[in-house]
Amino acid sequence: MLRLRRELGDRQGRLLVTRPPGYQMVLADEGDVDAAAFTRLGDSGRSALAGGDAERAAGLLAQALALWRGPALADVPTGQLVEAEAARLAEQRLDILQSRVEADLACGRYAALVPELRQSVREHPLREGCGVS
């Protein structure tokens, strides 16, 4: 536990606290969780795109997608609620990807999108919208 606290920079034990039967991580605010940051950046990016600022939108949406590290909640024991949340996050990721593609298209980045769009069509052949399957 001491090593983990050192890695987290939590030498006083305020972030990682002992709670029977184990430990609990206490977050200062919801924004400390990647999923919340992902949603916040995605929402900001979509707002920028709707407002006509495609360059800013593309940057914000790319930042959101950069937080993604494989399947959502892959290291959490499965259950009905976990599976539902993982599916919701995966769908949100595809929506944000679609918005980022729209922003990149608006910025004229056509050729750079071709490989990504081909991969997306292979992975999600039934999904429609903005060339992102």
Protein backbone atom coordinates (compact mmCIF):
# COMPACT_ATOMS: atom_id res chain seq x y z
CA MET A 1 0.00 0.00 0.00
CA LEU A 2 2.88 2.34 0.79
CA ARG A 3 4.27 1.91 -2.73
CA LEU A 4 0.91 2.68 -4.28
CA ARG A 5 0.55 5.79 -2.12
CA ARG A 6 3.99 6.94 -3.23
CA GLU A 7 3.06 6.41 -6.89
CA LEU A 8 -0.14 8.42 -6.38
CA GLY A 9 1.67 11.15 -4.46
CA ASP A 10 -0.57 10.46 -1.46
CA ARG A 11 1.91 10.19 1.42
CA GLN A 12 -0.65 11.49 3.95
CA GLY A 13 -3.24 8.86 2.98
CA ARG A 14 -5.96 11.31 1.93
CA LEU A 15 -6.56 9.86 -1.53
CA LEU A 16 -6.31 6.17 -0.69
CA VAL A 17 -7.91 5.40 2.66
CA THR A 18 -8.37 2.18 4.59
CA ARG A 19 -12.01 1.08 4.71
CA PRO A 20 -12.88 -2.46 5.81
CA PRO A 21 -12.66 -4.86 4.11
CA GLY A 22 -10.04 -3.07 1.94
CA TYR A 23 -9.25 0.37 0.59
CA GLN A 24 -11.18 3.21 -1.00
CA MET A 25 -9.96 5.93 -3.35
CA VAL A 26 -11.42 9.30 -2.43
CA LEU A 27 -11.58 11.70 -5.39
CA ALA A 28 -11.71 15.46 -4.91
CA ASP A 29 -14.18 15.80 -7.74
CA GLU A 30 -15.79 13.75 -10.48
CA GLY A 31 -13.45 15.34 -13.04
CA ASP A 32 -10.62 13.20 -11.65
CA VAL A 33 -12.13 10.19 -13.43
CA ASP A 34 -11.18 9.65 -17.09
CA ALA A 35 -14.79 8.94 -18.07
CA ALA A 36 -15.91 12.32 -16.72
CA ALA A 37 -13.06 14.14 -18.47
CA PHE A 38 -13.90 12.23 -21.67
CA THR A 39 -17.53 13.36 -21.47
CA ARG A 40 -16.60 16.95 -20.64
CA LEU A 41 -14.13 17.22 -23.54
CA GLY A 42 -16.59 15.53 -25.88
CA ASP A 43 -19.39 17.91 -24.95
CA SER A 44 -17.10 20.93 -25.35
CA GLY A 45 -15.92 19.66 -28.72
CA ARG A 46 -19.44 19.09 -29.98
CA SER A 47 -20.43 22.59 -28.83
CA ALA A 48 -17.46 24.07 -30.68
CA LEU A 49 -18.42 22.14 -33.81
CA ALA A 50 -22.05 23.29 -33.56
CA GLY A 51 -20.74 26.85 -33.13
CA GLY A 52 -18.72 26.62 -36.35
CA ASP A 53 -15.26 26.35 -34.76
CA ALA A 54 -14.17 23.11 -36.44
CA GLU A 55 -10.47 23.53 -35.60
CA ARG A 56 -11.14 23.87 -31.85
CA ALA A 57 -13.71 21.08 -32.02
CA ALA A 58 -11.25 18.71 -33.69
CA GLY A 59 -8.68 19.42 -30.96
CA LEU A 60 -11.07 18.92 -28.06
CA LEU A 61 -12.57 15.77 -29.55
CA ALA A 62 -9.09 14.35 -30.25
CA GLN A 63 -8.18 15.03 -26.60
CA ALA A 64 -11.28 13.16 -25.48
CA LEU A 65 -10.48 10.18 -27.70
CA ALA A 66 -6.85 10.16 -26.49
CA LEU A 67 -8.17 9.27 -23.01
CA TRP A 68 -9.57 6.03 -24.39
CA ARG A 69 -7.44 3.00 -23.53
CA GLY A 70 -9.26 -0.09 -24.78
CA PRO A 71 -12.68 -1.42 -23.82
CA ALA A 72 -14.41 0.55 -21.06
CA LEU A 73 -14.37 -1.04 -17.61
CA ALA A 74 -12.42 -4.05 -18.94
CA ASP A 75 -10.71 -4.53 -15.56
CA VAL A 76 -13.93 -4.31 -13.51
CA PRO A 77 -15.77 -7.52 -12.57
CA THR A 78 -18.72 -7.93 -14.91
CA GLY A 79 -22.31 -7.56 -13.93
CA GLN A 80 -25.45 -6.11 -15.42
CA LEU A 81 -24.70 -2.51 -14.36
CA VAL A 82 -21.04 -2.69 -15.42
CA GLU A 83 -21.96 -4.11 -18.82
CA ALA A 84 -24.61 -1.42 -19.35
CA GLU A 85 -22.17 1.36 -18.43
CA ALA A 86 -19.44 -0.11 -20.63
CA ALA A 87 -21.89 -0.24 -23.56
CA ARG A 88 -22.95 3.36 -22.91
CA LEU A 89 -19.34 4.54 -22.85
CA ALA A 90 -18.50 2.59 -26.02
CA GLU A 91 -21.44 4.20 -27.82
CA GLN A 92 -20.40 7.62 -26.53
CA ARG A 93 -16.89 6.99 -27.87
CA LEU A 94 -18.28 6.23 -31.33
CA ASP A 95 -20.42 9.38 -31.22
CA ILE A 96 -17.40 11.48 -30.27
CA LEU A 97 -15.33 9.79 -32.99
CA GLN A 98 -18.04 10.65 -35.50
CA SER A 99 -18.04 14.28 -34.36
CA ARG A 100 -14.24 14.41 -34.58
CA VAL A 101 -14.38 13.09 -38.14
CA GLU A 102 -16.97 15.76 -39.00
CA ALA A 103 -14.66 18.41 -37.51
CA ASP A 104 -11.64 17.08 -39.44
CA LEU A 105 -13.68 17.07 -42.66
CA ALA A 106 -14.70 20.66 -42.01
CA CYS A 107 -10.99 21.47 -41.61
CA GLY A 108 -10.21 19.86 -44.98
CA ARG A 109 -8.29 16.85 -43.65
CA TYR A 110 -9.83 14.46 -46.18
CA ALA A 111 -6.85 12.26 -47.08
CA ALA A 112 -5.75 11.83 -43.48
CA LEU A 113 -9.16 10.39 -42.59
CA VAL A 114 -9.27 7.62 -45.22
CA PRO A 115 -7.34 4.93 -43.26
CA GLU A 116 -9.25 5.67 -40.06
CA LEU A 117 -12.60 5.52 -41.85
CA ARG A 118 -11.72 2.24 -43.54
CA GLN A 119 -10.86 0.73 -40.16
CA SER A 120 -14.06 2.08 -38.63
CA VAL A 121 -16.18 0.58 -41.41
CA ARG A 122 -14.52 -2.82 -40.83
CA GLU A 123 -15.12 -2.63 -37.07
CA HIS A 124 -18.68 -1.24 -37.21
CA PRO A 125 -20.22 -2.18 -40.56
CA LEU A 126 -23.81 -1.42 -39.51
CA ARG A 127 -23.18 2.01 -37.99
CA GLU A 128 -24.14 4.93 -40.19
CA GLY A 129 -23.32 8.62 -40.07
CA CYS A 130 -20.78 10.97 -41.56
CA GLY A 131 -18.88 8.19 -43.26
CA VAL A 132 -18.06 6.70 -39.87
CA SER A 133 -19.67 3.32 -39.75
